[in-house]
N, C-alpha and C. Protein backbone atom coordinates (compact mmCIF):
# COMPACT_ATOMS: atom_id res chain seq x y z
N MET A 1 0.85 -0.72 -0.47
CA MET A 1 -0.18 -0.07 0.17
C MET A 1 0.95 1.58 0.31
N PRO A 2 0.53 1.99 -0.14
CA PRO A 2 1.32 3.65 -0.88
C PRO A 2 0.99 4.12 0.35
N ARG A 3 2.24 5.24 1.14
CA ARG A 3 2.16 5.12 2.12
C ARG A 3 1.87 7.11 2.39
N PRO A 4 0.89 6.89 3.56
CA PRO A 4 -0.04 8.56 3.40
C PRO A 4 1.09 9.25 3.51
N ARG A 5 0.92 10.42 2.96
CA ARG A 5 1.02 12.32 2.62
C ARG A 5 0.87 12.35 3.73
N GLU A 6 2.34 12.26 4.38
CA GLU A 6 2.60 12.92 5.97
C GLU A 6 2.94 15.00 5.98
N PHE A 7 1.64 15.28 5.24
CA PHE A 7 1.66 16.61 5.64
C PHE A 7 0.43 17.06 5.07
N ASP A 8 -0.38 18.21 5.95
CA ASP A 8 -1.42 19.19 5.62
C ASP A 8 -1.10 19.07 3.63
N GLU A 9 -1.79 18.61 3.01
CA GLU A 9 -2.19 19.00 1.71
C GLU A 9 -2.72 20.90 1.34
N ALA A 10 -3.79 20.70 2.20
CA ALA A 10 -4.78 22.33 1.94
C ALA A 10 -3.24 23.10 2.73
N ALA A 11 -2.75 23.12 4.00
CA ALA A 11 -2.17 24.04 4.78
C ALA A 11 -1.01 24.29 3.41
N ALA A 12 -0.30 23.62 2.50
CA ALA A 12 1.00 23.53 2.13
C ALA A 12 0.67 24.32 0.45
N LEU A 13 -0.94 24.41 0.50
CA LEU A 13 -1.38 24.42 -1.12
C LEU A 13 -2.04 26.21 -0.51
N GLU A 14 -1.96 26.62 1.29
CA GLU A 14 -2.52 28.06 1.15
C GLU A 14 -0.77 28.24 1.72
N ALA A 15 0.41 28.27 1.79
CA ALA A 15 2.07 28.70 1.72
C ALA A 15 2.15 28.75 0.31
N ALA A 16 1.96 27.64 -0.68
CA ALA A 16 2.72 28.27 -2.02
C ALA A 16 1.54 29.69 -2.04
N ILE A 17 0.05 29.53 -2.47
CA ILE A 17 -0.38 31.49 -1.97
C ILE A 17 0.03 32.24 -1.84
N GLU A 18 0.20 31.98 -0.89
CA GLU A 18 0.78 33.34 -0.23
C GLU A 18 2.64 33.35 -1.00
N CYS A 19 3.32 32.72 -1.82
CA CYS A 19 4.41 33.07 -1.88
C CYS A 19 4.15 33.11 -3.15
N PHE A 20 3.34 33.06 -4.18
CA PHE A 20 3.54 33.41 -5.58
C PHE A 20 3.08 34.30 -5.66
N TRP A 21 1.72 34.67 -4.20
CA TRP A 21 0.85 36.94 -4.52
C TRP A 21 2.37 36.87 -3.84
N GLN A 22 2.74 37.09 -2.98
CA GLN A 22 3.43 38.09 -2.68
C GLN A 22 4.85 38.32 -3.56
N ARG A 23 5.44 37.12 -4.42
CA ARG A 23 6.80 37.08 -5.01
C ARG A 23 6.83 37.31 -6.63
N GLY A 24 5.52 37.01 -6.83
CA GLY A 24 4.66 36.43 -8.42
C GLY A 24 5.41 35.71 -9.09
N TYR A 25 5.29 34.77 -9.99
CA TYR A 25 5.23 33.27 -10.08
C TYR A 25 6.49 33.16 -10.75
N GLU A 26 7.30 34.02 -11.38
CA GLU A 26 8.45 33.85 -12.41
C GLU A 26 9.91 34.10 -11.15
N ALA A 27 9.40 35.08 -10.52
CA ALA A 27 10.46 35.84 -9.53
C ALA A 27 10.89 34.63 -7.93
N THR A 28 8.86 33.94 -7.92
CA THR A 28 8.80 32.26 -6.96
C THR A 28 9.99 31.18 -7.27
N SER A 29 10.90 30.78 -6.73
CA SER A 29 12.80 29.85 -7.00
C SER A 29 11.32 28.31 -6.43
N LEU A 30 11.87 27.31 -6.46
CA LEU A 30 11.61 26.12 -5.97
C LEU A 30 12.18 26.09 -5.16
N ARG A 31 13.04 26.85 -4.17
CA ARG A 31 13.85 26.29 -3.14
C ARG A 31 13.22 27.96 -1.89
N ASP A 32 12.58 28.64 -2.51
CA ASP A 32 10.59 29.84 -1.85
C ASP A 32 10.07 28.84 -1.77
N LEU A 33 9.69 27.85 -3.03
CA LEU A 33 8.54 27.02 -3.03
C LEU A 33 8.64 25.75 -0.77
N THR A 34 9.65 25.55 -1.33
CA THR A 34 10.08 24.52 -0.37
C THR A 34 10.05 25.02 1.11
N SER A 35 10.68 26.57 0.92
CA SER A 35 10.99 26.42 2.43
C SER A 35 9.37 27.27 3.42
N SER A 36 8.39 27.69 2.50
CA SER A 36 7.17 27.92 2.40
C SER A 36 6.52 26.78 3.12
N MET A 37 6.14 26.43 2.23
CA MET A 37 5.24 24.74 2.25
C MET A 37 5.76 23.94 3.26
N GLY A 38 7.41 23.18 3.95
CA GLY A 38 7.52 23.05 4.91
C GLY A 38 7.83 21.41 4.02
N LEU A 39 8.37 21.86 3.03
CA LEU A 39 8.64 20.34 2.45
C LEU A 39 9.54 19.67 1.17
N THR A 40 9.92 19.27 1.16
CA THR A 40 11.51 18.47 0.45
C THR A 40 11.42 18.68 -1.18
N ALA A 41 11.87 18.89 -2.26
CA ALA A 41 11.83 19.51 -3.37
C ALA A 41 11.16 17.90 -3.94
N PRO A 42 11.50 16.55 -3.61
CA PRO A 42 10.88 14.94 -4.32
C PRO A 42 9.68 15.38 -3.56
N SER A 43 9.29 15.32 -1.81
CA SER A 43 8.33 15.67 -2.49
C SER A 43 7.08 16.91 -2.61
N LEU A 44 7.64 17.87 -2.69
CA LEU A 44 6.55 19.21 -3.36
C LEU A 44 6.63 18.39 -4.76
N TYR A 45 7.39 17.48 -5.95
CA TYR A 45 7.24 17.24 -7.14
C TYR A 45 6.00 15.89 -7.29
N ASN A 46 6.45 15.08 -6.35
CA ASN A 46 5.03 13.98 -5.73
C ASN A 46 3.69 14.47 -5.93
N ALA A 47 3.84 15.59 -4.61
CA ALA A 47 2.04 15.86 -4.33
C ALA A 47 2.23 16.89 -5.17
N PHE A 48 2.00 17.97 -6.06
CA PHE A 48 2.14 19.01 -6.89
C PHE A 48 2.55 19.01 -8.26
N GLY A 49 3.24 18.17 -9.03
CA GLY A 49 4.03 18.21 -9.82
C GLY A 49 5.08 19.07 -9.76
N ASP A 50 4.71 20.20 -11.23
CA ASP A 50 5.96 20.75 -11.23
C ASP A 50 5.38 22.47 -10.47
N LYS A 51 5.52 23.59 -10.79
CA LYS A 51 6.12 24.43 -10.87
C LYS A 51 4.23 24.63 -11.03
N GLU A 52 4.43 24.85 -12.60
CA GLU A 52 3.14 25.80 -13.02
C GLU A 52 1.53 24.70 -13.27
N GLU A 53 2.30 23.43 -12.52
CA GLU A 53 0.98 22.52 -12.06
C GLU A 53 0.75 23.31 -10.63
N LEU A 54 2.08 23.28 -9.83
CA LEU A 54 1.43 24.02 -9.05
C LEU A 54 0.44 25.43 -8.75
N PHE A 55 0.94 25.96 -9.52
CA PHE A 55 0.69 27.27 -9.18
C PHE A 55 -0.92 27.27 -10.09
N ALA A 56 -1.57 26.56 -10.91
CA ALA A 56 -2.55 25.63 -11.39
C ALA A 56 -3.28 25.33 -9.86
N ARG A 57 -2.72 24.89 -9.15
CA ARG A 57 -3.80 24.16 -8.34
C ARG A 57 -3.49 25.20 -7.27
N ALA A 58 -2.46 26.09 -6.50
CA ALA A 58 -2.95 27.18 -5.83
C ALA A 58 -3.69 28.46 -5.72
N LEU A 59 -4.00 28.06 -7.67
CA LEU A 59 -4.89 29.38 -8.09
C LEU A 59 -6.32 29.16 -7.98
N ASP A 60 -6.66 27.82 -8.03
CA ASP A 60 -7.36 27.16 -8.45
C ASP A 60 -8.43 27.43 -7.03
N ARG A 61 -7.66 26.46 -5.79
CA ARG A 61 -7.79 26.75 -4.35
C ARG A 61 -7.94 27.99 -4.15
N TYR A 62 -7.23 29.53 -4.48
CA TYR A 62 -7.76 31.15 -3.98
C TYR A 62 -9.17 31.08 -4.51
N LEU A 63 -9.43 30.66 -5.69
CA LEU A 63 -10.66 31.22 -6.76
C LEU A 63 -11.55 30.58 -5.57
N GLU A 64 -11.72 29.49 -5.47
CA GLU A 64 -12.54 28.74 -4.67
C GLU A 64 -13.17 29.09 -3.03
N ARG A 65 -11.85 30.35 -2.56
CA ARG A 65 -12.49 30.21 -1.10
C ARG A 65 -12.69 31.92 -1.31
N THR A 66 -12.49 32.56 -2.35
CA THR A 66 -12.76 34.38 -2.41
C THR A 66 -13.19 34.51 -3.55
N THR A 67 -14.00 34.01 -5.24
CA THR A 67 -14.06 34.44 -5.74
C THR A 67 -15.07 33.82 -5.93
N ARG A 68 -15.23 32.82 -5.44
CA ARG A 68 -16.55 32.01 -6.52
C ARG A 68 -17.14 31.85 -4.98
N ASP A 69 -16.57 31.59 -4.04
CA ASP A 69 -18.09 31.83 -2.72
C ASP A 69 -18.22 32.83 -2.50
N ARG A 70 -17.75 33.76 -3.42
CA ARG A 70 -18.16 35.59 -3.19
C ARG A 70 -19.21 35.53 -4.25
N LEU A 71 -19.22 35.06 -4.89
CA LEU A 71 -20.29 34.90 -6.75
C LEU A 71 -21.67 33.99 -5.50
N ARG A 72 -20.89 32.98 -5.76
CA ARG A 72 -22.08 32.67 -4.67
C ARG A 72 -23.54 32.75 -4.30
N ARG A 73 -22.17 33.59 -2.53
CA ARG A 73 -22.65 34.08 -1.26
C ARG A 73 -23.91 35.09 -1.87
N LEU A 74 -23.12 36.13 -2.86
CA LEU A 74 -24.53 36.92 -3.54
C LEU A 74 -25.44 36.93 -3.67
N GLU A 75 -24.99 36.27 -4.76
CA GLU A 75 -26.25 35.51 -6.06
C GLU A 75 -27.40 34.62 -5.39
N GLU A 76 -27.05 34.04 -4.21
CA GLU A 76 -27.85 33.71 -3.13
C GLU A 76 -28.25 34.13 -2.36
N THR A 77 -28.23 35.08 -1.33
CA THR A 77 -28.86 35.92 -0.46
C THR A 77 -29.25 37.06 -0.56
N LEU A 78 -28.76 37.77 -1.99
CA LEU A 78 -30.02 39.59 -2.54
C LEU A 78 -30.20 39.36 -4.16
N ALA A 79 -30.66 40.49 -3.63
CA ALA A 79 -31.37 40.07 -4.98
C ALA A 79 -30.58 40.83 -6.16
N PRO A 80 -30.82 41.36 -6.98
CA PRO A 80 -30.30 40.79 -8.01
C PRO A 80 -28.98 42.70 -8.21
N LYS A 81 -29.95 43.10 -8.46
CA LYS A 81 -28.96 44.28 -8.39
C LYS A 81 -28.28 44.69 -6.75
N ALA A 82 -28.45 45.12 -6.25
CA ALA A 82 -27.97 44.67 -4.40
C ALA A 82 -27.14 43.90 -5.21
N ALA A 83 -26.62 42.29 -5.59
CA ALA A 83 -26.04 42.00 -4.88
C ALA A 83 -24.45 42.52 -6.46
N ILE A 84 -25.36 43.13 -7.72
CA ILE A 84 -24.07 43.64 -7.63
C ILE A 84 -23.32 44.78 -6.83
N HIS A 85 -24.07 46.63 -6.42
CA HIS A 85 -23.51 46.86 -5.89
C HIS A 85 -22.74 46.39 -4.64
N ARG A 86 -23.65 44.86 -4.02
CA ARG A 86 -22.53 45.42 -2.74
C ARG A 86 -20.65 43.91 -3.76
N PHE A 87 -20.94 43.25 -4.67
CA PHE A 87 -19.76 43.32 -5.25
C PHE A 87 -18.82 44.11 -5.42
N PHE A 88 -19.90 44.86 -5.51
CA PHE A 88 -18.19 46.01 -5.85
C PHE A 88 -17.76 46.55 -4.57
N ALA A 89 -18.64 46.70 -3.39
CA ALA A 89 -18.40 47.44 -2.39
C ALA A 89 -16.84 46.55 -1.70
N GLU A 90 -17.25 45.49 -1.71
CA GLU A 90 -16.55 44.96 -1.53
C GLU A 90 -15.34 43.83 -1.97
N ILE A 91 -15.05 44.45 -2.73
CA ILE A 91 -13.86 44.49 -3.93
C ILE A 91 -13.54 46.39 -3.61
N VAL A 92 -13.59 47.15 -3.39
CA VAL A 92 -13.13 48.21 -2.98
C VAL A 92 -12.51 48.28 -2.15
N GLU A 93 -13.57 47.54 -1.06
CA GLU A 93 -13.28 47.23 0.74
C GLU A 93 -11.48 47.05 1.52
N HIS A 94 -11.89 46.03 -0.47
CA HIS A 94 -10.42 44.22 0.17
C HIS A 94 -9.43 45.63 -0.68
N SER A 95 -10.11 46.32 -1.57
CA SER A 95 -8.89 46.87 -2.25
C SER A 95 -8.12 47.84 -0.87
N VAL A 96 -8.61 48.72 -0.35
CA VAL A 96 -8.20 50.04 0.17
C VAL A 96 -7.67 49.16 1.68
N SER A 97 -8.30 48.02 1.97
CA SER A 97 -7.98 47.05 3.27
C SER A 97 -6.07 46.47 3.19
N ASP A 98 -5.86 46.36 2.06
CA ASP A 98 -4.56 45.95 1.29
C ASP A 98 -3.47 46.79 1.47
N LEU A 99 -3.15 46.26 2.67
CA LEU A 99 -1.65 47.39 3.13
C LEU A 99 -0.81 46.93 2.11
N GLN A 100 -0.82 45.95 2.22
CA GLN A 100 0.88 45.17 1.52
C GLN A 100 0.29 45.41 0.34
N ARG A 101 -0.09 45.99 -0.46
CA ARG A 101 -0.72 46.31 -1.92
C ARG A 101 -0.16 44.91 -3.21
N LYS A 102 -0.32 43.83 -1.82
CA LYS A 102 -0.47 42.76 -3.42
C LYS A 102 -0.91 42.39 -3.95
N GLY A 103 -2.60 43.64 -4.43
CA GLY A 103 -3.34 42.55 -5.38
C GLY A 103 -4.39 42.12 -5.09
N CYS A 104 -5.27 42.03 -6.33
CA CYS A 104 -5.62 40.49 -6.45
C CYS A 104 -4.16 38.97 -6.78
N PHE A 105 -4.92 38.28 -6.85
CA PHE A 105 -3.79 36.97 -6.92
C PHE A 105 -4.33 36.85 -8.79
N LEU A 106 -6.02 36.57 -8.77
CA LEU A 106 -6.05 36.87 -9.96
C LEU A 106 -6.14 37.61 -11.01
N VAL A 107 -6.21 38.74 -10.32
CA VAL A 107 -5.54 39.82 -11.79
C VAL A 107 -4.17 39.52 -12.08
N ASN A 108 -3.05 39.84 -10.72
CA ASN A 108 -1.96 39.84 -11.04
C ASN A 108 -1.27 38.24 -12.05
N SER A 109 -1.92 37.09 -11.29
CA SER A 109 -1.98 35.81 -12.93
C SER A 109 -2.31 36.24 -14.12
N ALA A 110 -3.76 37.21 -14.28
CA ALA A 110 -3.96 36.89 -15.80
C ALA A 110 -2.50 38.37 -16.27
N LEU A 111 -2.22 39.41 -15.22
CA LEU A 111 -1.13 40.41 -16.13
C LEU A 111 0.45 39.26 -16.58
N GLU A 112 0.51 38.70 -15.66
CA GLU A 112 2.03 38.01 -15.34
C GLU A 112 1.92 36.79 -16.49
N VAL A 113 0.68 35.94 -15.97
CA VAL A 113 1.45 34.64 -15.77
C VAL A 113 0.05 33.79 -17.33
N ALA A 114 -0.74 34.73 -17.44
CA ALA A 114 -1.24 34.47 -17.77
C ALA A 114 -1.08 33.75 -19.78
N PRO A 115 -0.52 35.25 -20.18
CA PRO A 115 0.37 36.01 -21.44
C PRO A 115 0.89 33.74 -21.92
N HIS A 116 1.60 33.18 -20.54
CA HIS A 116 2.65 32.51 -20.87
C HIS A 116 2.91 31.36 -20.71
N HIS A 117 1.29 31.05 -19.69
CA HIS A 117 1.34 29.50 -19.78
C HIS A 117 0.15 29.39 -20.11
N ALA A 118 -0.52 27.79 -21.15
CA ALA A 118 -2.30 27.55 -21.69
C ALA A 118 -2.63 27.75 -20.27
N ASP A 119 -2.06 26.54 -19.42
CA ASP A 119 -3.12 26.18 -18.90
C ASP A 119 -3.61 26.66 -17.45
N CYS A 120 -2.46 27.53 -17.48
CA CYS A 120 -3.21 28.83 -16.53
C CYS A 120 -4.18 29.99 -17.04
N ARG A 121 -3.58 30.13 -18.14
CA ARG A 121 -4.87 31.37 -18.77
C ARG A 121 -6.10 30.42 -19.06
N ALA A 122 -5.78 29.15 -19.42
CA ALA A 122 -7.44 28.71 -19.18
C ALA A 122 -7.71 28.41 -17.64
N VAL A 123 -7.72 28.60 -16.61
CA VAL A 123 -8.24 28.52 -16.13
C VAL A 123 -9.11 30.20 -14.92
N ILE A 124 -7.55 31.05 -15.51
CA ILE A 124 -7.51 32.01 -15.51
C ILE A 124 -8.80 33.20 -16.16
N ALA A 125 -8.73 33.07 -17.23
CA ALA A 125 -9.76 32.57 -18.85
C ALA A 125 -11.47 32.82 -18.23
N ALA A 126 -11.37 31.49 -17.64
CA ALA A 126 -12.56 30.42 -16.77
C ALA A 126 -13.15 31.54 -15.67
N GLN A 127 -12.73 32.01 -15.47
CA GLN A 127 -12.92 32.74 -13.95
C GLN A 127 -13.30 33.68 -14.37
N PHE A 128 -12.87 34.90 -14.88
CA PHE A 128 -12.99 35.85 -15.35
C PHE A 128 -14.50 36.35 -16.63
N GLY A 129 -14.26 34.88 -16.88
CA GLY A 129 -16.31 34.19 -17.25
C GLY A 129 -17.51 34.30 -16.41
N ASP A 130 -16.83 33.56 -15.75
CA ASP A 130 -17.58 32.93 -14.68
C ASP A 130 -18.00 34.49 -13.62
N ILE A 131 -17.08 35.76 -13.73
CA ILE A 131 -17.42 36.65 -12.86
C ILE A 131 -18.91 37.89 -14.25
N GLU A 132 -18.34 37.56 -14.93
CA GLU A 132 -18.63 37.99 -16.18
C GLU A 132 -20.89 37.40 -16.65
N ALA A 133 -20.32 36.29 -15.59
CA ALA A 133 -21.54 35.66 -16.15
C ALA A 133 -23.05 35.75 -15.04
N PHE A 134 -22.20 36.48 -13.49
CA PHE A 134 -22.44 36.10 -12.77
C PHE A 134 -23.62 37.65 -13.33
N PHE A 135 -22.64 38.94 -13.77
CA PHE A 135 -23.36 40.66 -13.40
C PHE A 135 -24.22 40.41 -14.46
N LYS A 136 -24.01 39.35 -15.90
CA LYS A 136 -24.96 39.42 -17.19
C LYS A 136 -26.14 39.06 -16.43
N ARG A 137 -26.35 37.62 -15.12
CA ARG A 137 -27.69 37.37 -15.22
C ARG A 137 -27.84 37.88 -14.26
N CYS A 138 -27.73 38.46 -13.10
CA CYS A 138 -27.85 39.94 -12.08
C CYS A 138 -28.55 40.54 -12.98
N ILE A 139 -28.22 41.42 -13.85
CA ILE A 139 -28.81 42.41 -15.09
C ILE A 139 -29.95 42.14 -15.75
N ARG A 140 -30.08 40.55 -16.32
CA ARG A 140 -31.69 40.11 -16.58
C ARG A 140 -32.73 39.45 -15.90
N LYS A 141 -31.82 39.07 -14.52
CA LYS A 141 -33.48 38.77 -13.63
C LYS A 141 -33.31 40.85 -13.07
N ALA A 142 -32.66 41.42 -12.86
CA ALA A 142 -33.16 42.84 -12.13
C ALA A 142 -34.26 43.51 -13.52
N ARG A 143 -33.42 43.08 -14.62
CA ARG A 143 -34.53 43.47 -15.98
C ARG A 143 -35.67 42.92 -15.47
N ALA A 144 -35.67 41.35 -15.27
CA ALA A 144 -37.32 41.31 -14.61
C ALA A 144 -37.92 41.72 -13.36
N ASP A 145 -37.20 41.91 -12.48
CA ASP A 145 -37.96 42.51 -11.32
C ASP A 145 -38.07 43.86 -11.11
N LYS A 146 -38.14 45.05 -12.46
CA LYS A 146 -38.00 45.93 -12.89
C LYS A 146 -37.23 47.05 -11.70
N THR A 147 -35.63 46.55 -11.27
CA THR A 147 -34.78 47.13 -10.45
C THR A 147 -33.85 47.23 -11.97
N ILE A 148 -33.92 47.60 -12.82
CA ILE A 148 -32.90 48.13 -13.49
C ILE A 148 -33.84 47.66 -15.31
N PRO A 149 -32.79 49.13 -15.62
CA PRO A 149 -33.90 49.85 -17.03
C PRO A 149 -33.90 48.76 -17.88
N PRO A 150 -35.20 48.70 -18.90
CA PRO A 150 -35.36 47.20 -19.87
C PRO A 150 -35.11 47.96 -20.48
N HIS A 151 -33.69 49.01 -20.65
CA HIS A 151 -33.11 49.10 -22.39
C HIS A 151 -31.82 48.69 -22.34
N ILE A 152 -31.33 48.38 -20.81
CA ILE A 152 -29.89 48.12 -20.19
C ILE A 152 -29.67 46.98 -21.37
N ASP A 153 -28.44 46.17 -22.03
CA ASP A 153 -28.16 44.78 -23.07
C ASP A 153 -27.28 44.41 -21.41
N ALA A 154 -28.07 43.79 -21.44
CA ALA A 154 -27.17 42.98 -19.85
C ALA A 154 -25.11 41.93 -20.47
N ALA A 155 -25.27 41.63 -22.04
CA ALA A 155 -24.56 41.18 -22.34
C ALA A 155 -22.91 41.98 -21.99
N ASP A 156 -23.13 43.42 -22.76
CA ASP A 156 -22.12 44.69 -23.29
C ASP A 156 -21.96 44.96 -22.24
N THR A 157 -22.97 45.23 -21.00
CA THR A 157 -23.27 46.12 -19.60
C THR A 157 -21.81 45.06 -18.37
N ALA A 158 -22.53 43.80 -19.04
CA ALA A 158 -21.36 42.51 -17.89
C ALA A 158 -20.39 43.16 -18.31
N ARG A 159 -19.96 43.54 -19.46
CA ARG A 159 -18.03 43.26 -20.33
C ARG A 159 -17.74 44.63 -19.72
N LEU A 160 -18.90 45.58 -19.87
CA LEU A 160 -18.14 46.86 -18.89
C LEU A 160 -17.85 46.67 -17.25
N LEU A 161 -18.99 45.73 -16.41
CA LEU A 161 -18.59 45.66 -15.22
C LEU A 161 -17.15 44.89 -14.68
N LEU A 162 -16.74 43.82 -15.54
CA LEU A 162 -15.89 43.30 -15.74
C LEU A 162 -14.50 43.55 -16.40
N GLY A 163 -14.90 44.82 -16.99
CA GLY A 163 -13.40 46.12 -16.85
C GLY A 163 -12.97 47.39 -15.78
N VAL A 164 -14.14 47.10 -15.54
CA VAL A 164 -14.25 47.78 -14.02
C VAL A 164 -13.82 47.72 -12.83
N LEU A 165 -14.29 46.05 -12.73
CA LEU A 165 -13.60 44.94 -12.16
C LEU A 165 -12.27 45.41 -11.74
N LEU A 166 -11.79 44.83 -13.30
CA LEU A 166 -10.77 44.51 -13.59
C LEU A 166 -9.27 46.25 -13.32
N GLY A 167 -10.03 46.81 -14.56
CA GLY A 167 -8.79 48.47 -13.64
C GLY A 167 -9.64 49.05 -11.59
N ILE A 168 -9.56 48.86 -11.07
CA ILE A 168 -10.59 48.69 -10.01
C ILE A 168 -9.01 47.77 -9.26
N ARG A 169 -9.14 46.73 -9.80
CA ARG A 169 -7.89 45.74 -8.77
C ARG A 169 -6.01 46.55 -9.36
N VAL A 170 -6.44 47.02 -10.61
CA VAL A 170 -4.81 47.50 -11.07
C VAL A 170 -4.73 49.22 -10.09
N LEU A 171 -5.61 49.33 -10.91
CA LEU A 171 -5.41 50.94 -9.82
C LEU A 171 -5.28 50.99 -8.91
N ALA A 172 -6.05 49.84 -7.78
CA ALA A 172 -5.69 50.07 -6.19
C ALA A 172 -4.38 49.38 -5.77
N ARG A 173 -3.51 48.33 -6.68
CA ARG A 173 -1.97 48.34 -6.80
C ARG A 173 -1.32 49.71 -6.36
N SER A 174 -1.41 51.27 -6.85
CA SER A 174 -0.88 52.05 -6.23
C SER A 174 -1.52 52.98 -6.34
N LYS A 175 -2.57 52.87 -6.03
CA LYS A 175 -3.66 54.35 -5.64
C LYS A 175 -4.32 53.69 -4.86
N PRO A 176 -4.80 52.75 -3.93
CA PRO A 176 -5.64 52.38 -2.95
C PRO A 176 -6.39 53.19 -2.05
N GLU A 177 -6.81 54.38 -2.50
CA GLU A 177 -7.55 55.14 -1.93
C GLU A 177 -9.54 55.19 -2.03
N ARG A 178 -10.20 55.09 -1.75
CA ARG A 178 -11.41 54.92 -1.59
C ARG A 178 -12.02 55.99 -1.82
N ASP A 179 -12.06 57.35 -2.23
CA ASP A 179 -12.65 57.97 -2.62
C ASP A 179 -12.28 57.76 -4.44
N VAL A 180 -11.42 57.57 -4.97
CA VAL A 180 -10.66 57.29 -6.13
C VAL A 180 -11.49 55.68 -6.34
N LEU A 181 -11.31 55.07 -5.91
CA LEU A 181 -11.67 53.59 -6.34
C LEU A 181 -13.31 53.70 -6.98
N GLU A 182 -14.16 54.23 -5.48
CA GLU A 182 -15.46 54.03 -5.93
C GLU A 182 -16.20 55.62 -6.41
N GLY A 183 -14.14 56.65 -6.85
CA GLY A 183 -15.77 57.26 -8.11
C GLY A 183 -15.00 56.76 -9.18
N VAL A 184 -14.71 55.50 -9.72
CA VAL A 184 -14.28 54.75 -10.98
C VAL A 184 -15.61 53.77 -10.84
N VAL A 185 -16.44 53.03 -9.71
CA VAL A 185 -17.42 52.46 -9.61
C VAL A 185 -19.18 52.89 -9.79
N ARG A 186 -18.76 54.19 -8.82
CA ARG A 186 -20.11 55.06 -9.28
C ARG A 186 -20.66 55.42 -9.99
N PRO A 187 -19.77 55.53 -11.76
CA PRO A 187 -20.62 56.08 -12.61
C PRO A 187 -21.57 54.61 -14.08
N ALA A 188 -20.15 53.32 -13.28
CA ALA A 188 -20.37 52.68 -13.66
C ALA A 188 -21.96 51.75 -13.35
N LEU A 189 -21.76 52.14 -12.16
CA LEU A 189 -23.45 51.55 -11.25
C LEU A 189 -24.30 52.41 -11.58
N ALA A 190 -24.55 53.73 -11.90
CA ALA A 190 -25.17 54.30 -12.27
C ALA A 190 -26.16 54.05 -13.42
N LEU A 191 -25.20 53.13 -14.63
CA LEU A 191 -25.73 53.16 -16.15
C LEU A 191 -27.10 52.02 -15.58
N LEU A 192 -27.32 51.54 -14.03
CA LEU A 192 -28.31 50.85 -13.92
C LEU A 192 -29.35 51.06 -13.43
N ASP A 193 -29.22 52.31 -12.73
CA ASP A 193 -30.22 53.31 -12.71
C ASP A 193 -31.01 53.68 -14.23
N PRO A 194 -32.32 53.54 -13.54
CA PRO A 194 -33.60 54.59 -14.09
C PRO A 194 -33.03 55.90 -14.47
N PRO A 195 -32.90 56.96 -15.98
CA PRO A 195 -33.02 58.04 -16.54
C PRO A 195 -33.95 59.19 -15.22
N ARG A 196 -33.44 60.15 -14.80
CA ARG A 196 -33.18 60.90 -14.27
C ARG A 196 -34.67 61.34 -14.85
N ARG A 197 -35.20 62.19 -14.27
CA ARG A 197 -36.53 63.30 -14.72
C ARG A 197 -35.81 64.54 -14.56
N LYS A 198 -35.73 64.65 -15.77
CA LYS A 198 -35.73 66.60 -15.48
C LYS A 198 -37.20 67.35 -15.35
N ASN A 199 -37.11 68.05 -14.28
CA ASN A 199 -37.40 69.14 -13.95
C ASN A 199 -37.98 70.01 -14.97
N ARG A 200 -39.59 70.58 -14.72
CA ARG A 200 -39.79 71.71 -16.22
C ARG A 200 -40.09 72.72 -14.61
N GLY A 201 -39.49 73.50 -15.09
CA GLY A 201 -40.41 74.75 -14.33
C GLY A 201 -41.93 75.35 -14.77
N LYS A 202 -42.16 75.76 -13.88
CA LYS A 202 -43.52 76.78 -14.12
C LYS A 202 -43.62 77.63 -15.00
N ARG A 203 -44.06 77.97 -16.44
CA ARG A 203 -44.61 78.85 -17.10
C ARG A 203 -45.37 80.12 -16.05
């Protein structure tokens, strides 16, 4: 019978996440990973494969406990328009609370890793697709419950909101100021509101 692994695989993956997140993919060496994860090189390769395979596992675990969990929670507990507003409120809050300016592991990976590693690129693209689909579903449901105007195009607006999300997370790396980030979000969310009626003065 194969011997059971003598380490906590979940804890080792969490350590790998932090290592990649702090240093970036290219700057993270095998020595960095073995030191952070408390494993020998043979144990690391046996459990997780090579560096790219480990990175893909680490990114998937990060997404499961952050982005995917957030999308599920908001869609299951809030009205659709409120879910979009809360999504961006939480993103802004995470951004301004990021004292180390690590940014978003997913967005960092899209900028550094996706252009060079096909498997990781596929994971990243799929997650962006899931976020866009979340926005699209919320917009369509909000049109149905009349909290978003019926003329709002769900597909185009979902792509725009995805772009706003990515812009916020990149901007926050250098300027994590609440008023700046909320100023980016505010006009995008205003597109979901009914047009204001102009007050006509009395003749």
